[in-house]
């Protein structure tokens, strides 16, 4: 999101310098697209669409549009922070960074596939290794009569 904010700030400053914004949202959106094209020209970002019919997006419901962008709530350019955040989100929706995004896993699972988790659990026997028995052998040696007699003989 940081790269989109950076681009949005640059586009905002360029548009504000030109002072070419008016009250017609269609003209403003087309001017924004021109500035966005200029800004992303040397970067990894590419536009998803060559042409966007903003009039269709503004007049028809989002479901009926060829390109589904909700641009009904465009803030005024005077509100700098709000406009930059909106513009960053807009740039994110109309561009791609060239990386292919993996589709959701659930869409690729065929409907006939069913997973049944077996409720039987296999009981694993814990086999005691040989080296753990050596501790028991040492303990039994110290408790043996042989050790007790030899330790009592020496003064």
N, C-alpha and C. Protein backbone atom coordinates (compact mmCIF):
# COMPACT_ATOMS: atom_id res chain seq x y z
N UNK A 1 0.83 -1.20 0.00
CA UNK A 1 0.00 0.00 0.00
C UNK A 1 0.87 1.26 0.00
N UNK A 2 2.07 1.14 0.49
CA UNK A 2 2.96 2.31 0.57
C UNK A 2 3.30 2.84 -0.82
N UNK A 3 3.50 1.92 -1.77
CA UNK A 3 3.83 2.38 -3.12
C UNK A 3 2.65 3.12 -3.76
N UNK A 4 1.43 2.68 -3.46
CA UNK A 4 0.24 3.34 -4.00
C UNK A 4 0.07 4.72 -3.36
N UNK A 5 0.37 4.83 -2.08
CA UNK A 5 0.30 6.13 -1.41
C UNK A 5 1.32 7.11 -1.99
N UNK A 6 2.52 6.60 -2.26
CA UNK A 6 3.56 7.46 -2.84
C UNK A 6 3.14 7.97 -4.21
N UNK A 7 2.61 7.07 -5.03
CA UNK A 7 2.15 7.47 -6.36
C UNK A 7 0.98 8.44 -6.25
N UNK A 8 0.06 8.18 -5.33
CA UNK A 8 -1.10 9.05 -5.14
C UNK A 8 -0.65 10.45 -4.71
N UNK A 9 0.33 10.54 -3.83
CA UNK A 9 0.83 11.85 -3.40
C UNK A 9 1.46 12.61 -4.57
N UNK A 10 2.23 11.90 -5.40
CA UNK A 10 2.84 12.54 -6.56
C UNK A 10 1.79 13.02 -7.56
N UNK A 11 0.79 12.18 -7.82
CA UNK A 11 -0.28 12.55 -8.75
C UNK A 11 -1.05 13.74 -8.19
N UNK A 12 -1.32 13.72 -6.89
CA UNK A 12 -2.06 14.82 -6.26
C UNK A 12 -1.29 16.13 -6.39
N UNK A 13 0.01 16.09 -6.12
CA UNK A 13 0.80 17.33 -6.21
C UNK A 13 0.85 17.85 -7.65
N UNK A 14 0.93 16.96 -8.63
CA UNK A 14 0.95 17.38 -10.03
C UNK A 14 -0.39 17.99 -10.43
N UNK A 15 -1.48 17.36 -10.01
CA UNK A 15 -2.81 17.87 -10.36
C UNK A 15 -3.06 19.20 -9.66
N UNK A 16 -2.60 19.33 -8.44
CA UNK A 16 -2.80 20.57 -7.69
C UNK A 16 -1.99 21.72 -8.29
N UNK A 17 -0.78 21.42 -8.81
CA UNK A 17 0.04 22.45 -9.45
C UNK A 17 -0.62 22.96 -10.72
N UNK A 18 -1.19 22.04 -11.49
CA UNK A 18 -1.81 22.42 -12.76
C UNK A 18 -3.09 23.24 -12.51
N UNK A 19 -3.78 22.96 -11.42
CA UNK A 19 -5.05 23.61 -11.06
C UNK A 19 -6.06 23.47 -12.19
N UNK A 20 -6.11 22.28 -12.74
CA UNK A 20 -6.99 22.03 -13.88
C UNK A 20 -8.24 21.25 -13.47
N UNK A 21 -8.48 21.13 -12.18
CA UNK A 21 -9.65 20.40 -11.72
C UNK A 21 -10.87 21.31 -11.74
N UNK A 22 -11.98 20.76 -12.18
CA UNK A 22 -13.24 21.51 -12.15
C UNK A 22 -14.31 20.67 -11.48
N UNK A 23 -15.56 21.02 -11.64
CA UNK A 23 -16.63 20.32 -10.94
C UNK A 23 -17.19 19.14 -11.72
N UNK A 24 -16.67 18.86 -12.92
CA UNK A 24 -17.14 17.72 -13.71
C UNK A 24 -16.34 16.48 -13.33
N UNK A 25 -16.96 15.49 -12.68
CA UNK A 25 -16.20 14.32 -12.22
C UNK A 25 -15.63 13.48 -13.37
N UNK A 26 -16.30 13.45 -14.52
CA UNK A 26 -15.78 12.67 -15.65
C UNK A 26 -14.47 13.25 -16.17
N UNK A 27 -14.43 14.56 -16.33
CA UNK A 27 -13.19 15.19 -16.78
C UNK A 27 -12.08 15.01 -15.74
N UNK A 28 -12.43 15.15 -14.49
CA UNK A 28 -11.44 15.00 -13.42
C UNK A 28 -10.86 13.59 -13.40
N UNK A 29 -11.71 12.58 -13.57
CA UNK A 29 -11.22 11.19 -13.57
C UNK A 29 -10.33 10.93 -14.78
N UNK A 30 -10.69 11.48 -15.93
CA UNK A 30 -9.85 11.30 -17.12
C UNK A 30 -8.50 11.99 -16.94
N UNK A 31 -8.49 13.17 -16.33
CA UNK A 31 -7.23 13.87 -16.06
C UNK A 31 -6.38 13.09 -15.04
N UNK A 32 -7.05 12.52 -14.05
CA UNK A 32 -6.33 11.69 -13.07
C UNK A 32 -5.68 10.49 -13.76
N UNK A 33 -6.41 9.85 -14.67
CA UNK A 33 -5.86 8.69 -15.38
C UNK A 33 -4.64 9.09 -16.21
N UNK A 34 -4.67 10.27 -16.82
CA UNK A 34 -3.52 10.74 -17.59
C UNK A 34 -2.31 10.91 -16.67
N UNK A 35 -2.52 11.51 -15.51
CA UNK A 35 -1.42 11.72 -14.56
C UNK A 35 -0.93 10.39 -13.98
N UNK A 36 -1.85 9.45 -13.73
CA UNK A 36 -1.46 8.13 -13.22
C UNK A 36 -0.61 7.41 -14.25
N UNK A 37 -1.01 7.48 -15.53
CA UNK A 37 -0.21 6.86 -16.60
C UNK A 37 1.21 7.43 -16.62
N UNK A 38 1.33 8.75 -16.48
CA UNK A 38 2.65 9.38 -16.49
C UNK A 38 3.48 8.92 -15.29
N UNK A 39 2.84 8.82 -14.14
CA UNK A 39 3.56 8.49 -12.90
C UNK A 39 4.06 7.05 -12.87
N UNK A 40 3.27 6.12 -13.38
CA UNK A 40 3.66 4.70 -13.29
C UNK A 40 4.45 4.24 -14.51
N UNK A 41 4.78 5.14 -15.40
CA UNK A 41 5.45 4.77 -16.65
C UNK A 41 6.74 4.00 -16.43
N UNK A 42 7.58 4.39 -15.52
CA UNK A 42 8.86 3.72 -15.32
C UNK A 42 8.87 2.68 -14.22
N UNK A 43 7.72 2.39 -13.62
CA UNK A 43 7.68 1.46 -12.49
C UNK A 43 7.21 0.07 -12.93
N UNK A 44 7.12 -0.83 -11.96
CA UNK A 44 6.65 -2.19 -12.23
C UNK A 44 5.14 -2.24 -12.42
N UNK A 45 4.44 -1.21 -11.97
CA UNK A 45 2.99 -1.21 -12.06
C UNK A 45 2.52 -1.03 -13.50
N UNK A 46 1.47 -1.73 -13.85
CA UNK A 46 0.86 -1.63 -15.18
C UNK A 46 -0.63 -1.44 -15.00
N UNK A 47 -1.24 -0.68 -15.89
CA UNK A 47 -2.69 -0.49 -15.83
C UNK A 47 -3.40 -1.77 -16.27
N UNK A 48 -4.47 -2.09 -15.58
CA UNK A 48 -5.25 -3.28 -15.93
C UNK A 48 -6.12 -3.03 -17.15
N UNK A 49 -6.52 -1.79 -17.37
CA UNK A 49 -7.45 -1.45 -18.45
C UNK A 49 -6.87 -0.33 -19.30
N UNK A 50 -7.00 -0.48 -20.64
CA UNK A 50 -6.57 0.59 -21.53
C UNK A 50 -7.56 1.74 -21.54
N UNK A 51 -8.85 1.41 -21.40
CA UNK A 51 -9.89 2.43 -21.42
C UNK A 51 -10.91 2.10 -20.33
N UNK A 52 -11.28 3.11 -19.58
CA UNK A 52 -12.31 2.95 -18.56
C UNK A 52 -13.42 3.94 -18.87
N UNK A 53 -14.62 3.43 -19.06
CA UNK A 53 -15.78 4.29 -19.31
C UNK A 53 -16.32 4.76 -17.96
N UNK A 54 -15.84 5.92 -17.53
CA UNK A 54 -16.23 6.43 -16.21
C UNK A 54 -17.70 6.82 -16.16
N UNK A 55 -18.24 7.22 -17.32
CA UNK A 55 -19.66 7.58 -17.35
C UNK A 55 -20.52 6.37 -17.01
N UNK A 56 -20.14 5.22 -17.54
CA UNK A 56 -20.86 3.99 -17.23
C UNK A 56 -20.73 3.66 -15.74
N UNK A 57 -19.54 3.84 -15.20
CA UNK A 57 -19.31 3.53 -13.78
C UNK A 57 -20.09 4.46 -12.85
N UNK A 58 -20.31 5.69 -13.29
CA UNK A 58 -21.04 6.64 -12.46
C UNK A 58 -22.55 6.48 -12.56
N UNK A 59 -23.04 6.06 -13.74
CA UNK A 59 -24.49 6.05 -13.97
C UNK A 59 -25.15 4.70 -13.75
N UNK A 60 -24.43 3.62 -13.93
CA UNK A 60 -25.02 2.28 -13.79
C UNK A 60 -24.61 1.67 -12.45
N UNK A 61 -25.40 0.70 -11.99
CA UNK A 61 -24.96 -0.04 -10.79
C UNK A 61 -23.66 -0.79 -11.08
N UNK A 62 -22.91 -1.03 -10.05
CA UNK A 62 -21.59 -1.65 -10.18
C UNK A 62 -21.66 -3.03 -10.83
N UNK A 63 -22.75 -3.76 -10.62
CA UNK A 63 -22.88 -5.12 -11.15
C UNK A 63 -23.04 -5.10 -12.67
N UNK A 64 -23.65 -4.06 -13.22
CA UNK A 64 -23.92 -3.99 -14.66
C UNK A 64 -22.74 -3.45 -15.46
N UNK A 65 -21.74 -2.90 -14.82
CA UNK A 65 -20.60 -2.30 -15.52
C UNK A 65 -19.64 -3.37 -16.02
N UNK A 66 -18.98 -3.08 -17.14
CA UNK A 66 -17.96 -3.99 -17.67
C UNK A 66 -16.75 -4.03 -16.74
N UNK A 67 -16.35 -2.87 -16.29
CA UNK A 67 -15.25 -2.75 -15.32
C UNK A 67 -15.88 -2.32 -14.01
N UNK A 68 -15.77 -3.16 -13.00
CA UNK A 68 -16.47 -2.90 -11.75
C UNK A 68 -15.60 -2.07 -10.80
N UNK A 69 -15.80 -0.75 -10.88
CA UNK A 69 -15.12 0.18 -9.99
C UNK A 69 -16.18 1.04 -9.31
N UNK A 70 -16.12 1.13 -8.01
CA UNK A 70 -17.05 2.00 -7.29
C UNK A 70 -16.39 3.36 -7.13
N UNK A 71 -16.78 4.28 -7.99
CA UNK A 71 -16.21 5.63 -7.93
C UNK A 71 -17.28 6.65 -7.57
N UNK A 72 -18.32 6.19 -6.89
CA UNK A 72 -19.42 7.08 -6.55
C UNK A 72 -19.05 8.06 -5.44
N UNK A 73 -18.12 7.71 -4.60
CA UNK A 73 -17.76 8.57 -3.46
C UNK A 73 -16.37 9.17 -3.65
N UNK A 74 -16.25 10.08 -4.60
CA UNK A 74 -14.97 10.74 -4.84
C UNK A 74 -14.89 11.97 -3.94
N UNK A 75 -13.89 12.05 -3.07
CA UNK A 75 -13.78 13.24 -2.22
C UNK A 75 -13.32 14.45 -3.03
N UNK A 76 -13.54 15.62 -2.50
CA UNK A 76 -13.08 16.83 -3.19
C UNK A 76 -11.57 16.93 -3.07
N UNK A 77 -10.98 17.59 -4.04
CA UNK A 77 -9.52 17.71 -4.07
C UNK A 77 -9.01 18.62 -2.94
N UNK A 78 -9.89 19.42 -2.36
CA UNK A 78 -9.49 20.32 -1.27
C UNK A 78 -9.12 19.54 -0.01
N UNK A 79 -9.76 18.41 0.21
CA UNK A 79 -9.44 17.56 1.36
C UNK A 79 -8.24 16.68 0.99
N UNK A 80 -7.06 17.19 1.23
CA UNK A 80 -5.84 16.54 0.73
C UNK A 80 -5.67 15.11 1.23
N UNK A 81 -5.73 14.89 2.54
CA UNK A 81 -5.51 13.55 3.10
C UNK A 81 -6.53 12.55 2.62
N UNK A 82 -7.80 12.95 2.66
CA UNK A 82 -8.87 12.05 2.23
C UNK A 82 -8.76 11.74 0.75
N UNK A 83 -8.42 12.75 -0.07
CA UNK A 83 -8.31 12.55 -1.51
C UNK A 83 -7.14 11.62 -1.84
N UNK A 84 -6.01 11.79 -1.15
CA UNK A 84 -4.84 10.95 -1.40
C UNK A 84 -5.14 9.50 -1.03
N UNK A 85 -5.81 9.27 0.09
CA UNK A 85 -6.17 7.90 0.48
C UNK A 85 -7.12 7.27 -0.54
N UNK A 86 -8.12 8.04 -0.99
CA UNK A 86 -9.04 7.53 -2.01
C UNK A 86 -8.28 7.22 -3.29
N UNK A 87 -7.39 8.14 -3.69
CA UNK A 87 -6.63 7.97 -4.93
C UNK A 87 -5.71 6.75 -4.85
N UNK A 88 -5.11 6.50 -3.68
CA UNK A 88 -4.25 5.32 -3.51
C UNK A 88 -5.07 4.05 -3.69
N UNK A 89 -6.27 4.01 -3.12
CA UNK A 89 -7.15 2.84 -3.30
C UNK A 89 -7.58 2.68 -4.74
N UNK A 90 -7.86 3.79 -5.41
CA UNK A 90 -8.25 3.76 -6.82
C UNK A 90 -7.10 3.23 -7.68
N UNK A 91 -5.89 3.71 -7.42
CA UNK A 91 -4.72 3.25 -8.18
C UNK A 91 -4.50 1.76 -7.95
N UNK A 92 -4.71 1.30 -6.73
CA UNK A 92 -4.54 -0.12 -6.42
C UNK A 92 -5.54 -0.98 -7.21
N UNK A 93 -6.76 -0.48 -7.42
CA UNK A 93 -7.78 -1.25 -8.14
C UNK A 93 -7.57 -1.26 -9.65
N UNK A 94 -6.94 -0.22 -10.21
CA UNK A 94 -6.80 -0.14 -11.67
C UNK A 94 -5.41 -0.56 -12.15
N UNK A 95 -4.51 -0.95 -11.24
CA UNK A 95 -3.17 -1.36 -11.65
C UNK A 95 -2.86 -2.76 -11.12
N UNK A 96 -1.80 -3.32 -11.68
CA UNK A 96 -1.27 -4.59 -11.21
C UNK A 96 0.24 -4.46 -11.15
N UNK A 97 0.86 -5.21 -10.24
CA UNK A 97 2.31 -5.13 -10.11
C UNK A 97 3.03 -6.20 -10.91
N UNK A 98 2.31 -6.93 -11.73
CA UNK A 98 2.91 -7.93 -12.58
C UNK A 98 3.04 -9.30 -11.95
N UNK A 99 2.88 -9.39 -10.65
CA UNK A 99 2.96 -10.69 -9.98
C UNK A 99 1.62 -11.39 -10.12
N UNK A 100 1.68 -12.66 -10.47
CA UNK A 100 0.45 -13.43 -10.55
C UNK A 100 0.01 -13.81 -9.15
N UNK A 101 -1.23 -13.54 -8.86
CA UNK A 101 -1.77 -13.89 -7.56
C UNK A 101 -2.37 -15.28 -7.65
N UNK A 102 -2.10 -16.10 -6.65
CA UNK A 102 -2.63 -17.45 -6.63
C UNK A 102 -4.14 -17.42 -6.40
N UNK A 103 -4.87 -18.24 -7.13
CA UNK A 103 -6.32 -18.28 -6.92
C UNK A 103 -6.63 -18.93 -5.58
N UNK A 104 -7.80 -18.65 -5.05
CA UNK A 104 -8.18 -19.30 -3.79
C UNK A 104 -8.19 -20.82 -3.95
N UNK A 105 -7.74 -21.53 -2.95
CA UNK A 105 -7.61 -22.98 -3.03
C UNK A 105 -8.97 -23.65 -3.18
N UNK A 106 -9.97 -23.13 -2.54
CA UNK A 106 -11.28 -23.78 -2.56
C UNK A 106 -11.90 -23.83 -3.95
N UNK A 107 -11.54 -22.89 -4.82
CA UNK A 107 -12.11 -22.88 -6.17
C UNK A 107 -11.57 -24.04 -7.01
N UNK A 108 -10.39 -24.52 -6.69
CA UNK A 108 -9.78 -25.57 -7.49
C UNK A 108 -10.16 -26.98 -7.03
N UNK A 109 -10.78 -27.13 -5.89
CA UNK A 109 -11.15 -28.44 -5.39
C UNK A 109 -12.42 -28.89 -6.11
N UNK A 110 -12.38 -30.04 -6.79
CA UNK A 110 -13.58 -30.51 -7.48
C UNK A 110 -14.69 -30.83 -6.48
N UNK A 111 -15.95 -30.60 -6.87
CA UNK A 111 -17.05 -30.82 -5.93
C UNK A 111 -17.22 -32.28 -5.52
N UNK A 112 -16.77 -33.21 -6.36
CA UNK A 112 -16.95 -34.62 -6.01
C UNK A 112 -15.94 -35.10 -4.97
N UNK A 113 -14.93 -34.29 -4.70
CA UNK A 113 -13.92 -34.67 -3.71
C UNK A 113 -14.47 -34.46 -2.31
N UNK A 114 -14.39 -35.49 -1.50
CA UNK A 114 -14.84 -35.39 -0.11
C UNK A 114 -13.74 -35.92 0.78
N UNK A 115 -13.53 -35.26 1.87
CA UNK A 115 -12.49 -35.65 2.81
C UNK A 115 -13.15 -36.17 4.07
N UNK A 116 -12.85 -37.41 4.39
CA UNK A 116 -13.37 -38.02 5.62
C UNK A 116 -12.20 -38.32 6.53
N UNK A 117 -12.19 -37.67 7.65
CA UNK A 117 -11.12 -37.90 8.60
C UNK A 117 -11.46 -39.15 9.41
N UNK A 118 -10.56 -40.12 9.39
CA UNK A 118 -10.83 -41.34 10.15
C UNK A 118 -10.71 -41.04 11.64
N UNK A 119 -11.63 -41.60 12.38
CA UNK A 119 -11.65 -41.33 13.82
C UNK A 119 -10.80 -42.32 14.59
N UNK A 120 -10.32 -43.36 13.92
CA UNK A 120 -9.46 -44.33 14.59
C UNK A 120 -8.05 -43.78 14.64
N UNK A 121 -7.48 -43.83 15.80
CA UNK A 121 -6.10 -43.40 15.93
C UNK A 121 -5.24 -44.61 16.23
N UNK A 122 -4.11 -44.64 15.64
CA UNK A 122 -3.18 -45.75 15.83
C UNK A 122 -2.37 -45.47 17.08
N UNK A 123 -2.36 -46.43 18.00
CA UNK A 123 -1.61 -46.27 19.23
C UNK A 123 -0.16 -46.67 18.97
N UNK A 124 0.72 -45.75 19.21
CA UNK A 124 2.14 -45.99 18.97
C UNK A 124 2.77 -46.45 20.27
N UNK A 125 3.44 -47.60 20.20
CA UNK A 125 4.14 -48.12 21.38
C UNK A 125 5.49 -47.43 21.48
N UNK A 126 5.76 -46.96 22.67
CA UNK A 126 7.02 -46.28 22.89
C UNK A 126 8.07 -47.32 23.30
N UNK A 127 9.04 -47.52 22.43
CA UNK A 127 10.10 -48.48 22.71
C UNK A 127 11.24 -47.73 23.38
N UNK A 128 11.65 -48.26 24.52
CA UNK A 128 12.69 -47.61 25.28
C UNK A 128 14.05 -47.95 24.66
N UNK A 129 14.85 -46.95 24.30
CA UNK A 129 16.15 -47.22 23.69
C UNK A 129 17.13 -47.82 24.71
N UNK A 130 18.17 -48.43 24.17
CA UNK A 130 19.16 -49.13 24.98
C UNK A 130 19.89 -48.20 25.95
N UNK A 131 20.22 -47.01 25.49
CA UNK A 131 21.01 -46.12 26.34
C UNK A 131 20.21 -45.67 27.57
N UNK A 132 18.91 -45.68 27.53
CA UNK A 132 18.14 -45.28 28.71
C UNK A 132 18.14 -46.38 29.77
N UNK A 133 18.43 -47.61 29.38
CA UNK A 133 18.51 -48.71 30.34
C UNK A 133 19.81 -48.65 31.14
N UNK A 134 20.82 -47.97 30.63
CA UNK A 134 22.10 -47.92 31.32
C UNK A 134 21.98 -47.18 32.65
N UNK A 135 21.08 -46.22 32.76
CA UNK A 135 20.86 -45.53 34.03
C UNK A 135 20.33 -46.49 35.08
N UNK A 136 19.44 -47.36 34.67
CA UNK A 136 18.90 -48.36 35.59
C UNK A 136 19.99 -49.33 36.03
N UNK A 137 20.88 -49.70 35.12
CA UNK A 137 21.97 -50.62 35.45
C UNK A 137 22.93 -49.98 36.46
N UNK A 138 23.23 -48.71 36.27
CA UNK A 138 24.12 -48.02 37.21
C UNK A 138 23.49 -47.96 38.59
N UNK A 139 22.21 -47.63 38.63
CA UNK A 139 21.49 -47.55 39.90
C UNK A 139 21.47 -48.91 40.60
N UNK A 140 21.22 -49.95 39.85
CA UNK A 140 21.18 -51.28 40.47
C UNK A 140 22.57 -51.70 40.96
N UNK A 141 23.64 -51.27 40.31
CA UNK A 141 24.99 -51.59 40.76
C UNK A 141 25.26 -50.95 42.13
N UNK A 142 24.88 -49.67 42.28
CA UNK A 142 25.11 -49.00 43.57
C UNK A 142 24.29 -49.61 44.70
N UNK A 143 23.20 -50.23 44.38
CA UNK A 143 22.37 -50.87 45.40
C UNK A 143 22.76 -52.34 45.63
N UNK A 144 23.64 -52.84 44.84
CA UNK A 144 23.99 -54.27 44.94
C UNK A 144 24.85 -54.53 46.18
N UNK A 145 24.82 -55.80 46.62
CA UNK A 145 25.62 -56.23 47.78
C UNK A 145 27.10 -56.12 47.48
N UNK A 146 27.49 -56.39 46.28
CA UNK A 146 28.89 -56.35 45.88
C UNK A 146 29.47 -54.95 46.11
N UNK A 147 28.74 -53.93 45.70
CA UNK A 147 29.21 -52.56 45.87
C UNK A 147 29.24 -52.17 47.35
N UNK A 148 28.22 -52.56 48.08
CA UNK A 148 28.13 -52.21 49.50
C UNK A 148 29.28 -52.85 50.27
N UNK A 149 29.62 -54.10 49.98
CA UNK A 149 30.73 -54.78 50.65
C UNK A 149 32.05 -54.12 50.31
N UNK A 150 32.26 -53.77 49.04
CA UNK A 150 33.53 -53.17 48.65
C UNK A 150 33.68 -51.76 49.22
N UNK A 151 32.61 -51.06 49.38
CA UNK A 151 32.71 -49.70 49.94
C UNK A 151 32.90 -49.75 51.46
N UNK A 152 32.44 -50.80 52.14
CA UNK A 152 32.61 -50.93 53.59
C UNK A 152 34.02 -51.39 53.94
N UNK A 153 34.70 -52.10 53.07
CA UNK A 153 36.04 -52.62 53.35
C UNK A 153 37.07 -51.52 53.36
N UNK A 154 36.96 -50.58 52.51
CA UNK A 154 38.00 -49.55 52.46
C UNK A 154 37.77 -48.51 53.55
N UNK A 155 38.89 -48.13 54.29
CA UNK A 155 38.75 -47.22 55.43
C UNK A 155 38.61 -45.79 55.03
